[in-house]
């Protein structure tokens, strides 16, 4: 790991900012009720907060990945693409992250596959199930870490500019697998070693042993709430 002051400061700020954005996202998602219909109703009513929470969650993962890249001396790519950032990490670190994510994923209850779908249309009537099915079929599938990062690789950009997504006479479809993304964020947090004694110093990234710590978590909700 590089130890020059400027590099260490970059790691610190990226890590601390990631924690902050992750906490803001978790404060919204943790409020979603267990009932599917109630979750859909709440996220529709508070869809502005939903957009903010998704944007913060995506940005937190981006910054965790960049902090790990800086700390391990890897090249930090100037992109928001989550999969590209993940692929830029050292192989041993990627393997460790995947391993720990798979453990977390296996521990998830089968009814806690929390995702939210939202469609935007200029039509005066709601989209049909067939229209939604066609739109959702374009997304990558799978719950492994690479599939999730690929499906959500542009979440920061697409959700941040969701107000520009509508197409006259067409359908814009959005889905966020926020629970799995939260598992990824938790896993990335684990790949920072024990905290230093100095104030405002980020833990050093590790490529093997992980050190769990208190972290923002997302309360499980039913599979998919469609707005």
C-alpha atoms as a PDB file:
ATOM      1  CA  UNK A   1       0.000   0.000   0.000  1.00  0.00           C
ATOM      2  CA  UNK A   2       1.220   3.485  -0.842  1.00  0.00           C
ATOM      3  CA  UNK A   3       1.832   5.602   2.227  1.00  0.00           C
ATOM      4  CA  UNK A   4       2.420   9.134   0.929  1.00  0.00           C
ATOM      5  CA  UNK A   5       0.305  11.765   2.653  1.00  0.00           C
ATOM      6  CA  UNK A   6      -1.733  12.866  -0.362  1.00  0.00           C
ATOM      7  CA  UNK A   7      -2.612   9.274  -1.280  1.00  0.00           C
ATOM      8  CA  UNK A   8      -3.626   8.431   2.277  1.00  0.00           C
ATOM      9  CA  UNK A   9      -5.801  11.530   2.504  1.00  0.00           C
ATOM     10  CA  UNK A  10      -7.614  10.571  -0.684  1.00  0.00           C
ATOM     11  CA  UNK A  11      -8.307   7.136   0.751  1.00  0.00           C
ATOM     12  CA  UNK A  12      -9.571   8.673   3.965  1.00  0.00           C
ATOM     13  CA  UNK A  13     -11.968  11.085   2.314  1.00  0.00           C
ATOM     14  CA  UNK A  14     -13.311   8.516  -0.131  1.00  0.00           C
ATOM     15  CA  UNK A  15     -13.942   6.037   2.700  1.00  0.00           C
ATOM     16  CA  UNK A  16     -15.565   8.569   5.036  1.00  0.00           C
ATOM     17  CA  UNK A  17     -17.732  10.005   2.259  1.00  0.00           C
ATOM     18  CA  UNK A  18     -18.821   6.494   1.270  1.00  0.00           C
ATOM     19  CA  UNK A  19     -19.877   5.830   4.866  1.00  0.00           C
ATOM     20  CA  UNK A  20     -21.881   9.047   4.870  1.00  0.00           C
ATOM     21  CA  UNK A  21     -23.697   8.351   1.608  1.00  0.00           C
ATOM     22  CA  UNK A  22     -24.375   4.760   2.670  1.00  0.00           C
ATOM     23  CA  UNK A  23     -25.861   5.932   5.949  1.00  0.00           C
ATOM     24  CA  UNK A  24     -28.153   8.385   4.166  1.00  0.00           C
ATOM     25  CA  UNK A  25     -29.388   5.650   1.825  1.00  0.00           C
ATOM     26  CA  UNK A  26     -29.940   3.218   4.666  1.00  0.00           C
ATOM     27  CA  UNK A  27     -31.992   5.753   6.617  1.00  0.00           C
ATOM     28  CA  UNK A  28     -34.616   5.626   3.860  1.00  0.00           C
ATOM     29  CA  UNK A  29     -34.594   1.940   2.928  1.00  0.00           C
ATOM     30  CA  UNK A  30     -34.719   0.827   6.558  1.00  0.00           C
ATOM     31  CA  UNK A  31     -38.112   2.567   6.903  1.00  0.00           C
ATOM     32  CA  UNK A  32     -39.826   0.449   4.246  1.00  0.00           C
ATOM     33  CA  UNK A  33     -42.555  -1.738   5.756  1.00  0.00           C
ATOM     34  CA  UNK A  34     -42.605  -5.526   5.454  1.00  0.00           C
ATOM     35  CA  UNK A  35     -45.907  -5.602   3.564  1.00  0.00           C
ATOM     36  CA  UNK A  36     -45.386  -5.475  -0.207  1.00  0.00           C
ATOM     37  CA  UNK A  37     -48.369  -3.251  -0.974  1.00  0.00           C
ATOM     38  CA  UNK A  38     -47.493  -0.900   1.865  1.00  0.00           C
ATOM     39  CA  UNK A  39     -43.905  -0.694   0.576  1.00  0.00           C
ATOM     40  CA  UNK A  40     -45.120   0.151  -2.915  1.00  0.00           C
ATOM     41  CA  UNK A  41     -47.471   2.813  -1.585  1.00  0.00           C
ATOM     42  CA  UNK A  42     -44.795   4.399   0.597  1.00  0.00           C
ATOM     43  CA  UNK A  43     -42.084   4.459  -2.076  1.00  0.00           C
ATOM     44  CA  UNK A  44     -44.538   5.997  -4.554  1.00  0.00           C
ATOM     45  CA  UNK A  45     -45.561   8.680  -2.085  1.00  0.00           C
ATOM     46  CA  UNK A  46     -41.924   9.381  -1.224  1.00  0.00           C
ATOM     47  CA  UNK A  47     -40.422   8.710  -4.647  1.00  0.00           C
ATOM     48  CA  UNK A  48     -38.285  11.824  -4.470  1.00  0.00           C
ATOM     49  CA  UNK A  49     -36.601  10.395  -1.367  1.00  0.00           C
ATOM     50  CA  UNK A  50     -36.334   7.037  -3.136  1.00  0.00           C
ATOM     51  CA  UNK A  51     -34.396   8.647  -5.988  1.00  0.00           C
ATOM     52  CA  UNK A  52     -32.085  10.343  -3.490  1.00  0.00           C
ATOM     53  CA  UNK A  53     -31.556   7.097  -1.560  1.00  0.00           C
ATOM     54  CA  UNK A  54     -30.720   5.106  -4.703  1.00  0.00           C
ATOM     55  CA  UNK A  55     -28.315   7.816  -5.864  1.00  0.00           C
ATOM     56  CA  UNK A  56     -26.601   7.863  -2.457  1.00  0.00           C
ATOM     57  CA  UNK A  57     -26.370   4.066  -2.348  1.00  0.00           C
ATOM     58  CA  UNK A  58     -24.784   3.867  -5.792  1.00  0.00           C
ATOM     59  CA  UNK A  59     -22.363   6.680  -4.960  1.00  0.00           C
ATOM     60  CA  UNK A  60     -21.355   5.013  -1.684  1.00  0.00           C
ATOM     61  CA  UNK A  61     -20.370   1.820  -3.525  1.00  0.00           C
ATOM     62  CA  UNK A  62     -18.465   3.849  -6.104  1.00  0.00           C
ATOM     63  CA  UNK A  63     -16.480   5.585  -3.372  1.00  0.00           C
ATOM     64  CA  UNK A  64     -15.777   2.367  -1.438  1.00  0.00           C
ATOM     65  CA  UNK A  65     -14.386   0.853  -4.647  1.00  0.00           C
ATOM     66  CA  UNK A  66     -12.278   3.937  -5.344  1.00  0.00           C
ATOM     67  CA  UNK A  67     -11.000   4.013  -1.750  1.00  0.00           C
ATOM     68  CA  UNK A  68      -9.937   0.380  -2.069  1.00  0.00           C
ATOM     69  CA  UNK A  69      -8.255   1.110  -5.401  1.00  0.00           C
ATOM     70  CA  UNK A  70      -6.323   4.042  -3.949  1.00  0.00           C
ATOM     71  CA  UNK A  71      -5.312   2.084  -0.875  1.00  0.00           C
ATOM     72  CA  UNK A  72      -4.007  -0.882  -2.857  1.00  0.00           C
ATOM     73  CA  UNK A  73      -2.164   1.238  -5.407  1.00  0.00           C
ATOM     74  CA  UNK A  74      -4.504   0.286  -8.256  1.00  0.00           C
ATOM     75  CA  UNK A  75      -5.406   2.790 -10.950  1.00  0.00           C
ATOM     76  CA  UNK A  76      -8.497   4.767 -10.006  1.00  0.00           C
ATOM     77  CA  UNK A  77     -10.655   5.125 -13.083  1.00  0.00           C
ATOM     78  CA  UNK A  78     -12.613   8.334 -13.583  1.00  0.00           C
ATOM     79  CA  UNK A  79     -15.972   6.665 -14.048  1.00  0.00           C
ATOM     80  CA  UNK A  80     -19.238   5.968 -12.235  1.00  0.00           C
ATOM     81  CA  UNK A  81     -19.443   2.467 -13.760  1.00  0.00           C
ATOM     82  CA  UNK A  82     -19.541   0.151 -10.726  1.00  0.00           C
ATOM     83  CA  UNK A  83     -18.522  -2.985 -12.598  1.00  0.00           C
ATOM     84  CA  UNK A  84     -15.592  -1.270 -14.278  1.00  0.00           C
ATOM     85  CA  UNK A  85     -14.387   0.024 -10.904  1.00  0.00           C
ATOM     86  CA  UNK A  86     -14.717  -3.433  -9.358  1.00  0.00           C
ATOM     87  CA  UNK A  87     -12.797  -5.039 -12.232  1.00  0.00           C
ATOM     88  CA  UNK A  88     -10.012  -2.509 -11.687  1.00  0.00           C
ATOM     89  CA  UNK A  89      -9.232  -3.865  -8.204  1.00  0.00           C
ATOM     90  CA  UNK A  90      -6.434  -6.404  -7.663  1.00  0.00           C
ATOM     91  CA  UNK A  91      -7.505  -9.983  -8.385  1.00  0.00           C
ATOM     92  CA  UNK A  92      -6.925 -11.239  -4.839  1.00  0.00           C
ATOM     93  CA  UNK A  93      -9.034  -8.411  -3.421  1.00  0.00           C
ATOM     94  CA  UNK A  94     -11.855  -9.051  -5.902  1.00  0.00           C
ATOM     95  CA  UNK A  95     -11.890 -12.728  -4.986  1.00  0.00           C
ATOM     96  CA  UNK A  96     -12.065 -11.917  -1.284  1.00  0.00           C
ATOM     97  CA  UNK A  97     -14.924  -9.473  -1.855  1.00  0.00           C
ATOM     98  CA  UNK A  98     -16.852 -12.027  -3.918  1.00  0.00           C
ATOM     99  CA  UNK A  99     -16.326 -14.688  -1.268  1.00  0.00           C
ATOM    100  CA  UNK A 100     -17.622 -12.516   1.570  1.00  0.00           C
ATOM    101  CA  UNK A 101     -20.541 -11.249  -0.522  1.00  0.00           C
ATOM    102  CA  UNK A 102     -21.583 -14.831  -1.299  1.00  0.00           C
ATOM    103  CA  UNK A 103     -21.616 -15.603   2.427  1.00  0.00           C
ATOM    104  CA  UNK A 104     -23.865 -12.618   3.096  1.00  0.00           C
ATOM    105  CA  UNK A 105     -26.093 -13.516   0.156  1.00  0.00           C
ATOM    106  CA  UNK A 106     -26.522 -17.078   1.399  1.00  0.00           C
ATOM    107  CA  UNK A 107     -27.661 -15.746   4.780  1.00  0.00           C
ATOM    108  CA  UNK A 108     -30.435 -13.659   3.239  1.00  0.00           C
ATOM    109  CA  UNK A 109     -33.936 -15.035   3.903  1.00  0.00           C
ATOM    110  CA  UNK A 110     -35.635 -16.114   0.648  1.00  0.00           C
ATOM    111  CA  UNK A 111     -38.383 -13.537   1.183  1.00  0.00           C
ATOM    112  CA  UNK A 112     -35.931 -10.647   1.575  1.00  0.00           C
ATOM    113  CA  UNK A 113     -34.898 -10.247  -2.068  1.00  0.00           C
ATOM    114  CA  UNK A 114     -35.691  -6.552  -1.784  1.00  0.00           C
ATOM    115  CA  UNK A 115     -35.933  -4.614  -5.021  1.00  0.00           C
ATOM    116  CA  UNK A 116     -38.025  -1.718  -6.229  1.00  0.00           C
ATOM    117  CA  UNK A 117     -39.279  -1.219  -9.765  1.00  0.00           C
ATOM    118  CA  UNK A 118     -40.579   2.021 -11.210  1.00  0.00           C
ATOM    119  CA  UNK A 119     -41.846   2.890 -14.672  1.00  0.00           C
ATOM    120  CA  UNK A 120     -42.299   6.324 -16.228  1.00  0.00           C
ATOM    121  CA  UNK A 121     -44.662   6.887 -19.127  1.00  0.00           C
ATOM    122  CA  UNK A 122     -46.391   9.832 -20.772  1.00  0.00           C
ATOM    123  CA  UNK A 123     -49.480   7.728 -21.455  1.00  0.00           C
ATOM    124  CA  UNK A 124     -52.598   8.520 -19.397  1.00  0.00           C
ATOM    125  CA  UNK A 125     -52.940   4.853 -18.389  1.00  0.00           C
ATOM    126  CA  UNK A 126     -50.557   2.635 -16.405  1.00  0.00           C
ATOM    127  CA  UNK A 127     -48.290   0.301 -18.398  1.00  0.00           C
ATOM    128  CA  UNK A 128     -49.471  -3.246 -18.938  1.00  0.00           C
ATOM    129  CA  UNK A 129     -47.784  -6.248 -17.369  1.00  0.00           C
ATOM    130  CA  UNK A 130     -46.524  -7.232 -20.824  1.00  0.00           C
ATOM    131  CA  UNK A 131     -44.927  -3.800 -21.372  1.00  0.00           C
ATOM    132  CA  UNK A 132     -43.198  -4.024 -18.003  1.00  0.00           C
ATOM    133  CA  UNK A 133     -42.047  -7.565 -18.748  1.00  0.00           C
ATOM    134  CA  UNK A 134     -40.511  -6.505 -22.073  1.00  0.00           C
ATOM    135  CA  UNK A 135     -38.763  -3.525 -20.460  1.00  0.00           C
ATOM    136  CA  UNK A 136     -37.400  -5.542 -17.530  1.00  0.00           C
ATOM    137  CA  UNK A 137     -36.119  -8.297 -19.828  1.00  0.00           C
ATOM    138  CA  UNK A 138     -33.410  -5.930 -21.039  1.00  0.00           C
ATOM    139  CA  UNK A 139     -31.715  -5.904 -17.634  1.00  0.00           C
ATOM    140  CA  UNK A 140     -28.922  -8.359 -16.802  1.00  0.00           C
ATOM    141  CA  UNK A 141     -30.103 -11.124 -14.463  1.00  0.00           C
ATOM    142  CA  UNK A 142     -28.395 -12.990 -11.626  1.00  0.00           C
ATOM    143  CA  UNK A 143     -27.632 -12.265  -7.987  1.00  0.00           C
ATOM    144  CA  UNK A 144     -23.868 -12.815  -7.994  1.00  0.00           C
ATOM    145  CA  UNK A 145     -21.823  -9.705  -7.354  1.00  0.00           C
ATOM    146  CA  UNK A 146     -20.764  -9.174 -10.971  1.00  0.00           C
ATOM    147  CA  UNK A 147     -24.336  -9.497 -12.243  1.00  0.00           C
ATOM    148  CA  UNK A 148     -25.621  -6.990  -9.677  1.00  0.00           C
ATOM    149  CA  UNK A 149     -22.838  -4.503 -10.399  1.00  0.00           C
ATOM    150  CA  UNK A 150     -23.445  -4.900 -14.137  1.00  0.00           C
ATOM    151  CA  UNK A 151     -27.194  -4.360 -13.760  1.00  0.00           C
ATOM    152  CA  UNK A 152     -26.669  -1.330 -11.504  1.00  0.00           C
ATOM    153  CA  UNK A 153     -23.449  -0.026 -13.064  1.00  0.00           C
ATOM    154  CA  UNK A 154     -25.067   3.231 -14.176  1.00  0.00           C
ATOM    155  CA  UNK A 155     -27.470   3.652 -11.237  1.00  0.00           C
ATOM    156  CA  UNK A 156     -25.810   6.864 -10.041  1.00  0.00           C
ATOM    157  CA  UNK A 157     -26.287   8.547 -13.398  1.00  0.00           C
ATOM    158  CA  UNK A 158     -29.644   7.076 -14.440  1.00  0.00           C
ATOM    159  CA  UNK A 159     -31.455   7.645 -11.141  1.00  0.00           C
ATOM    160  CA  UNK A 160     -29.926  11.075 -10.617  1.00  0.00           C
ATOM    161  CA  UNK A 161     -31.327  12.173 -13.980  1.00  0.00           C
ATOM    162  CA  UNK A 162     -34.534  10.166 -13.752  1.00  0.00           C
ATOM    163  CA  UNK A 163     -36.545  13.298 -14.553  1.00  0.00           C
ATOM    164  CA  UNK A 164     -35.088  13.178 -18.082  1.00  0.00           C
ATOM    165  CA  UNK A 165     -35.872   9.506 -18.670  1.00  0.00           C
ATOM    166  CA  UNK A 166     -39.383   9.759 -20.059  1.00  0.00           C
ATOM    167  CA  UNK A 167     -39.999   9.137 -23.758  1.00  0.00           C
ATOM    168  CA  UNK A 168     -43.138  10.467 -25.429  1.00  0.00           C
ATOM    169  CA  UNK A 169     -45.446   7.538 -26.000  1.00  0.00           C
ATOM    170  CA  UNK A 170     -42.874   5.130 -24.575  1.00  0.00           C
ATOM    171  CA  UNK A 171     -41.966   3.485 -21.292  1.00  0.00           C
ATOM    172  CA  UNK A 172     -38.885   4.090 -19.148  1.00  0.00           C
ATOM    173  CA  UNK A 173     -38.268   1.232 -16.715  1.00  0.00           C
ATOM    174  CA  UNK A 174     -36.158   1.395 -13.547  1.00  0.00           C
ATOM    175  CA  UNK A 175     -35.282  -1.309 -11.055  1.00  0.00           C
ATOM    176  CA  UNK A 176     -32.950  -1.094  -8.077  1.00  0.00           C
ATOM    177  CA  UNK A 177     -31.799  -4.223  -6.272  1.00  0.00           C
ATOM    178  CA  UNK A 178     -31.119  -2.150  -3.191  1.00  0.00           C
ATOM    179  CA  UNK A 179     -30.828  -4.999  -0.721  1.00  0.00           C
ATOM    180  CA  UNK A 180     -28.097  -6.758  -2.702  1.00  0.00           C
ATOM    181  CA  UNK A 181     -26.363  -3.437  -3.292  1.00  0.00           C
ATOM    182  CA  UNK A 182     -26.433  -2.871   0.464  1.00  0.00           C
ATOM    183  CA  UNK A 183     -24.851  -6.299   0.935  1.00  0.00           C
ATOM    184  CA  UNK A 184     -22.126  -5.269  -1.484  1.00  0.00           C
ATOM    185  CA  UNK A 185     -21.569  -2.011   0.399  1.00  0.00           C
ATOM    186  CA  UNK A 186     -21.386  -3.916   3.695  1.00  0.00           C
ATOM    187  CA  UNK A 187     -18.872  -6.312   2.146  1.00  0.00           C
ATOM    188  CA  UNK A 188     -16.708  -3.486   0.820  1.00  0.00           C
ATOM    189  CA  UNK A 189     -16.739  -1.911   4.286  1.00  0.00           C
ATOM    190  CA  UNK A 190     -15.378  -5.156   5.693  1.00  0.00           C
ATOM    191  CA  UNK A 191     -12.339  -4.919   3.434  1.00  0.00           C
ATOM    192  CA  UNK A 192     -10.853  -2.100   5.432  1.00  0.00           C
ATOM    193  CA  UNK A 193      -8.668  -3.221   8.333  1.00  0.00           C
ATOM    194  CA  UNK A 194      -8.909  -2.156  11.995  1.00  0.00           C
ATOM    195  CA  UNK A 195      -9.340   1.565  12.574  1.00  0.00           C
ATOM    196  CA  UNK A 196      -6.235   3.596  13.327  1.00  0.00           C
ATOM    197  CA  UNK A 197      -5.973   5.471  16.626  1.00  0.00           C
ATOM    198  CA  UNK A 198      -5.449   8.805  14.886  1.00  0.00           C
ATOM    199  CA  UNK A 199      -8.698  10.763  14.403  1.00  0.00           C
ATOM    200  CA  UNK A 200     -10.193  11.041  10.904  1.00  0.00           C
ATOM    201  CA  UNK A 201      -7.951   8.338   9.489  1.00  0.00           C
ATOM    202  CA  UNK A 202      -9.417   5.673   7.239  1.00  0.00           C
ATOM    203  CA  UNK A 203      -8.658   2.030   8.007  1.00  0.00           C
ATOM    204  CA  UNK A 204      -6.156   0.484   5.626  1.00  0.00           C
ATOM    205  CA  UNK A 205      -7.683  -1.658   2.852  1.00  0.00           C
ATOM    206  CA  UNK A 206      -6.891  -5.347   3.140  1.00  0.00           C
ATOM    207  CA  UNK A 207      -6.932  -8.066   0.519  1.00  0.00           C
ATOM    208  CA  UNK A 208      -7.525 -11.044   2.792  1.00  0.00           C
ATOM    209  CA  UNK A 209      -8.746 -11.038   6.400  1.00  0.00           C
ATOM    210  CA  UNK A 210     -11.738  -8.829   6.999  1.00  0.00           C
ATOM    211  CA  UNK A 211     -12.760  -6.955  10.107  1.00  0.00           C
ATOM    212  CA  UNK A 212     -16.537  -6.503  10.582  1.00  0.00           C
ATOM    213  CA  UNK A 213     -17.724  -3.286  12.179  1.00  0.00           C
ATOM    214  CA  UNK A 214     -20.982  -1.565  12.973  1.00  0.00           C
ATOM    215  CA  UNK A 215     -22.550  -0.398   9.755  1.00  0.00           C
ATOM    216  CA  UNK A 216     -25.819   0.905   8.287  1.00  0.00           C
ATOM    217  CA  UNK A 217     -28.013  -2.012   7.296  1.00  0.00           C
ATOM    218  CA  UNK A 218     -31.153  -2.336   5.257  1.00  0.00           C
ATOM    219  CA  UNK A 219     -34.200  -3.976   6.822  1.00  0.00           C
ATOM    220  CA  UNK A 220     -35.450  -6.904   4.693  1.00  0.00           C
ATOM    221  CA  UNK A 221     -38.730  -6.368   2.849  1.00  0.00           C
ATOM    222  CA  UNK A 222     -40.683  -8.592   0.443  1.00  0.00           C
ATOM    223  CA  UNK A 223     -39.337  -9.316  -3.056  1.00  0.00           C
ATOM    224  CA  UNK A 224     -40.372  -6.452  -5.343  1.00  0.00           C
ATOM    225  CA  UNK A 225     -42.427  -3.325  -4.828  1.00  0.00           C
ATOM    226  CA  UNK A 226     -43.572  -2.025  -8.217  1.00  0.00           C
ATOM    227  CA  UNK A 227     -44.615   1.598  -8.481  1.00  0.00           C
END
